[in-house]
Amino acid sequence: MSSEQEIENEEDSAIPAGSPEIERLLFEIRGDRLGADVTQVLRIDRPGSKELLRSALSSEKASRALVFRSEGGEACLEVDVVLGVRAVRTRELRRMPKAAHVSEYSLGFWLDGERPVLLVDLPRTLAAKAPAAQQSKEANAPDAT
């Protein structure tokens, strides 16, 4: 089976078809393990920068900020913990099946042993809505006016 045929089979395909390995930066937000293409990350910084556009997916208890390029300049996704960089074989990466479409920013998943890792596109996280728990916290916060 050619790599092009692999890509076309959505539920069983590896992403991308090119090199045998791709480096993923692994991190956690609110107990969920996620991974992003390491080439999207410009730097890892401290959270709370006022100069950076912040993704709504960012953690309230962040220890680090993944800084990436967006259409409006630099932006960040604030994460609880950075786990490191892993070289992952492309044949182990799976596209997100259409029926399980999670969001615009989710690309697919990878099993790190028994633990699933959601693979995300960092610039697309800027269009994401805040998680339900964070939205309810903000709605119940006292008004400072």
C-alpha atoms as a PDB file:
ATOM      1  CA  MET A   1       0.000   0.000   0.000  1.00  0.00           C
ATOM      2  CA  SER A   2       1.475   3.397  -0.979  1.00  0.00           C
ATOM      3  CA  SER A   3       1.636   6.290   1.455  1.00  0.00           C
ATOM      4  CA  GLU A   4      -0.890   8.193  -0.695  1.00  0.00           C
ATOM      5  CA  GLN A   5      -3.337   5.318  -0.277  1.00  0.00           C
ATOM      6  CA  GLU A   6      -2.665   5.390   3.472  1.00  0.00           C
ATOM      7  CA  ILE A   7      -3.545   9.095   3.621  1.00  0.00           C
ATOM      8  CA  GLU A   8      -6.835   8.598   1.793  1.00  0.00           C
ATOM      9  CA  ASN A   9      -8.109   6.034   4.287  1.00  0.00           C
ATOM     10  CA  GLU A  10      -9.278   8.542   6.939  1.00  0.00           C
ATOM     11  CA  GLU A  11      -9.801   6.173   9.850  1.00  0.00           C
ATOM     12  CA  ASP A  12      -6.536   4.307   9.417  1.00  0.00           C
ATOM     13  CA  SER A  13      -4.149   6.849   7.957  1.00  0.00           C
ATOM     14  CA  ALA A  14      -0.864   8.195   9.150  1.00  0.00           C
ATOM     15  CA  ILE A  15      -0.192  11.938   8.953  1.00  0.00           C
ATOM     16  CA  PRO A  16       1.802  13.212   7.082  1.00  0.00           C
ATOM     17  CA  ALA A  17       2.952  10.858   4.333  1.00  0.00           C
ATOM     18  CA  GLY A  18       6.452  12.376   3.976  1.00  0.00           C
ATOM     19  CA  SER A  19       9.237  11.522   6.421  1.00  0.00           C
ATOM     20  CA  PRO A  20       9.222   8.394   8.608  1.00  0.00           C
ATOM     21  CA  GLU A  21       9.277  10.497  11.813  1.00  0.00           C
ATOM     22  CA  ILE A  22       7.972  13.862  12.943  1.00  0.00           C
ATOM     23  CA  GLU A  23       8.859  15.698  16.141  1.00  0.00           C
ATOM     24  CA  ARG A  24       5.969  16.553  18.467  1.00  0.00           C
ATOM     25  CA  LEU A  25       6.097  18.848  21.460  1.00  0.00           C
ATOM     26  CA  LEU A  26       4.053  17.172  24.191  1.00  0.00           C
ATOM     27  CA  PHE A  27       2.264  19.168  26.888  1.00  0.00           C
ATOM     28  CA  GLU A  28      -0.695  19.012  29.276  1.00  0.00           C
ATOM     29  CA  ILE A  29      -3.634  21.339  29.823  1.00  0.00           C
ATOM     30  CA  ARG A  30      -6.114  20.516  32.615  1.00  0.00           C
ATOM     31  CA  GLY A  31      -4.965  16.882  32.700  1.00  0.00           C
ATOM     32  CA  ASP A  32      -5.305  16.350  28.934  1.00  0.00           C
ATOM     33  CA  ARG A  33      -2.182  15.389  27.022  1.00  0.00           C
ATOM     34  CA  LEU A  34      -1.714  17.220  23.730  1.00  0.00           C
ATOM     35  CA  GLY A  35       0.940  17.408  21.051  1.00  0.00           C
ATOM     36  CA  ALA A  36       1.885  19.990  18.443  1.00  0.00           C
ATOM     37  CA  ASP A  37       4.313  20.045  15.552  1.00  0.00           C
ATOM     38  CA  VAL A  38       7.552  21.299  17.106  1.00  0.00           C
ATOM     39  CA  THR A  39       8.189  23.523  14.059  1.00  0.00           C
ATOM     40  CA  GLN A  40       5.152  25.652  15.013  1.00  0.00           C
ATOM     41  CA  VAL A  41       6.697  26.611  18.363  1.00  0.00           C
ATOM     42  CA  LEU A  42       8.893  29.708  18.217  1.00  0.00           C
ATOM     43  CA  ARG A  43       9.842  29.498  21.897  1.00  0.00           C
ATOM     44  CA  ILE A  44       8.638  28.396  25.307  1.00  0.00           C
ATOM     45  CA  ASP A  45       8.099  31.329  27.628  1.00  0.00           C
ATOM     46  CA  ARG A  46       6.581  32.200  30.990  1.00  0.00           C
ATOM     47  CA  PRO A  47       2.805  32.680  31.010  1.00  0.00           C
ATOM     48  CA  GLY A  48       1.041  36.009  31.447  1.00  0.00           C
ATOM     49  CA  SER A  49       2.631  38.107  28.716  1.00  0.00           C
ATOM     50  CA  LYS A  50       0.465  41.123  27.900  1.00  0.00           C
ATOM     51  CA  GLU A  51       2.089  41.481  24.449  1.00  0.00           C
ATOM     52  CA  LEU A  52       0.920  38.099  23.140  1.00  0.00           C
ATOM     53  CA  LEU A  53      -2.498  37.124  21.856  1.00  0.00           C
ATOM     54  CA  ARG A  54      -3.660  34.311  24.182  1.00  0.00           C
ATOM     55  CA  SER A  55      -5.580  31.215  23.080  1.00  0.00           C
ATOM     56  CA  ALA A  56      -8.881  30.622  24.895  1.00  0.00           C
ATOM     57  CA  LEU A  57      -7.714  27.038  25.468  1.00  0.00           C
ATOM     58  CA  SER A  58      -4.968  28.314  27.757  1.00  0.00           C
ATOM     59  CA  SER A  59      -4.812  26.952  31.292  1.00  0.00           C
ATOM     60  CA  GLU A  60      -5.634  29.150  34.281  1.00  0.00           C
ATOM     61  CA  LYS A  61      -2.821  27.411  36.197  1.00  0.00           C
ATOM     62  CA  ALA A  62      -0.224  27.610  33.426  1.00  0.00           C
ATOM     63  CA  SER A  63       3.471  27.196  34.133  1.00  0.00           C
ATOM     64  CA  ARG A  64       4.625  27.799  30.539  1.00  0.00           C
ATOM     65  CA  ALA A  65       3.470  29.488  27.326  1.00  0.00           C
ATOM     66  CA  LEU A  66       4.022  27.974  23.891  1.00  0.00           C
ATOM     67  CA  VAL A  67       4.673  30.951  21.617  1.00  0.00           C
ATOM     68  CA  PHE A  68       3.773  30.546  17.954  1.00  0.00           C
ATOM     69  CA  ARG A  69       3.237  32.689  14.881  1.00  0.00           C
ATOM     70  CA  SER A  70      -0.307  33.727  13.988  1.00  0.00           C
ATOM     71  CA  GLU A  71      -1.790  35.993  11.341  1.00  0.00           C
ATOM     72  CA  GLY A  72      -1.701  38.876  13.821  1.00  0.00           C
ATOM     73  CA  GLY A  73       1.898  38.331  14.954  1.00  0.00           C
ATOM     74  CA  GLU A  74       2.969  36.194  17.885  1.00  0.00           C
ATOM     75  CA  ALA A  75       0.423  34.360  20.045  1.00  0.00           C
ATOM     76  CA  CYS A  76       0.567  31.798  22.827  1.00  0.00           C
ATOM     77  CA  LEU A  77      -1.117  28.773  24.314  1.00  0.00           C
ATOM     78  CA  GLU A  78      -0.506  28.681  28.067  1.00  0.00           C
ATOM     79  CA  VAL A  79      -0.020  25.121  29.315  1.00  0.00           C
ATOM     80  CA  ASP A  80       0.218  23.426  32.710  1.00  0.00           C
ATOM     81  CA  VAL A  81       3.370  21.485  31.910  1.00  0.00           C
ATOM     82  CA  VAL A  82       5.674  20.891  28.945  1.00  0.00           C
ATOM     83  CA  LEU A  83       6.536  17.198  28.768  1.00  0.00           C
ATOM     84  CA  GLY A  84       9.217  17.451  26.083  1.00  0.00           C
ATOM     85  CA  VAL A  85       9.826  16.648  22.443  1.00  0.00           C
ATOM     86  CA  ARG A  86       9.248  13.177  21.033  1.00  0.00           C
ATOM     87  CA  ALA A  87      10.096  11.832  17.610  1.00  0.00           C
ATOM     88  CA  VAL A  88       7.010   9.899  16.525  1.00  0.00           C
ATOM     89  CA  ARG A  89       6.807   7.553  13.553  1.00  0.00           C
ATOM     90  CA  THR A  90       4.304   8.943  11.066  1.00  0.00           C
ATOM     91  CA  ARG A  91       2.688   5.527  10.717  1.00  0.00           C
ATOM     92  CA  GLU A  92       1.640   5.828  14.395  1.00  0.00           C
ATOM     93  CA  LEU A  93      -0.236   9.112  13.838  1.00  0.00           C
ATOM     94  CA  ARG A  94      -3.944   8.931  13.055  1.00  0.00           C
ATOM     95  CA  ARG A  95      -6.271  11.455  11.485  1.00  0.00           C
ATOM     96  CA  MET A  96      -9.352  12.407  13.447  1.00  0.00           C
ATOM     97  CA  PRO A  97     -12.299  10.473  11.974  1.00  0.00           C
ATOM     98  CA  LYS A  98     -15.017  12.815  10.684  1.00  0.00           C
ATOM     99  CA  ALA A  99     -17.556  11.284  13.071  1.00  0.00           C
ATOM    100  CA  ALA A 100     -15.305  12.102  16.039  1.00  0.00           C
ATOM    101  CA  HIS A 101     -14.540  15.651  14.930  1.00  0.00           C
ATOM    102  CA  VAL A 102     -13.519  17.421  18.134  1.00  0.00           C
ATOM    103  CA  SER A 103     -12.669  20.917  16.903  1.00  0.00           C
ATOM    104  CA  GLU A 104     -11.125  22.978  14.134  1.00  0.00           C
ATOM    105  CA  TYR A 105      -7.740  22.857  15.839  1.00  0.00           C
ATOM    106  CA  SER A 106      -7.597  19.064  16.314  1.00  0.00           C
ATOM    107  CA  LEU A 107      -5.651  17.244  13.611  1.00  0.00           C
ATOM    108  CA  GLY A 108      -5.640  13.699  14.904  1.00  0.00           C
ATOM    109  CA  PHE A 109      -4.234  11.587  17.679  1.00  0.00           C
ATOM    110  CA  TRP A 110      -1.369   9.343  18.671  1.00  0.00           C
ATOM    111  CA  LEU A 111      -1.192   6.657  21.335  1.00  0.00           C
ATOM    112  CA  ASP A 112       1.733   7.216  23.696  1.00  0.00           C
ATOM    113  CA  GLY A 113       1.696   3.691  25.056  1.00  0.00           C
ATOM    114  CA  GLU A 114      -1.885   3.414  26.331  1.00  0.00           C
ATOM    115  CA  ARG A 115      -2.454   7.168  26.708  1.00  0.00           C
ATOM    116  CA  PRO A 116      -4.061   9.078  23.816  1.00  0.00           C
ATOM    117  CA  VAL A 117      -2.440  12.352  22.757  1.00  0.00           C
ATOM    118  CA  LEU A 118      -4.605  14.861  20.866  1.00  0.00           C
ATOM    119  CA  LEU A 119      -2.583  16.448  18.059  1.00  0.00           C
ATOM    120  CA  VAL A 120      -3.366  20.140  17.577  1.00  0.00           C
ATOM    121  CA  ASP A 121      -2.562  22.972  15.191  1.00  0.00           C
ATOM    122  CA  LEU A 122      -1.423  25.828  17.444  1.00  0.00           C
ATOM    123  CA  PRO A 123      -2.549  28.784  15.257  1.00  0.00           C
ATOM    124  CA  ARG A 124      -6.018  27.254  14.965  1.00  0.00           C
ATOM    125  CA  THR A 125      -6.366  27.223  18.780  1.00  0.00           C
ATOM    126  CA  LEU A 126      -6.864  30.996  18.608  1.00  0.00           C
ATOM    127  CA  ALA A 127     -10.351  30.461  17.157  1.00  0.00           C
ATOM    128  CA  ALA A 128     -11.267  28.010  19.930  1.00  0.00           C
ATOM    129  CA  LYS A 129     -13.822  28.732  22.614  1.00  0.00           C
ATOM    130  CA  ALA A 130     -12.843  28.502  26.264  1.00  0.00           C
ATOM    131  CA  PRO A 131     -13.600  25.111  27.884  1.00  0.00           C
ATOM    132  CA  ALA A 132     -16.992  24.920  29.632  1.00  0.00           C
ATOM    133  CA  ALA A 133     -15.454  24.873  33.135  1.00  0.00           C
ATOM    134  CA  GLN A 134     -13.499  28.050  32.414  1.00  0.00           C
ATOM    135  CA  GLN A 135     -16.562  29.780  30.885  1.00  0.00           C
ATOM    136  CA  SER A 136     -18.679  29.052  33.972  1.00  0.00           C
ATOM    137  CA  LYS A 137     -15.903  30.389  36.256  1.00  0.00           C
ATOM    138  CA  GLU A 138     -15.768  33.614  34.249  1.00  0.00           C
ATOM    139  CA  ALA A 139     -19.568  33.943  34.290  1.00  0.00           C
ATOM    140  CA  ASN A 140     -19.626  33.567  38.108  1.00  0.00           C
ATOM    141  CA  ALA A 141     -16.722  35.949  38.734  1.00  0.00           C
ATOM    142  CA  PRO A 142     -17.662  39.172  40.536  1.00  0.00           C
ATOM    143  CA  ASP A 143     -17.938  42.198  38.272  1.00  0.00           C
ATOM    144  CA  ALA A 144     -15.124  44.671  38.946  1.00  0.00           C
ATOM    145  CA  THR A 145     -17.068  47.718  37.694  1.00  0.00           C
END
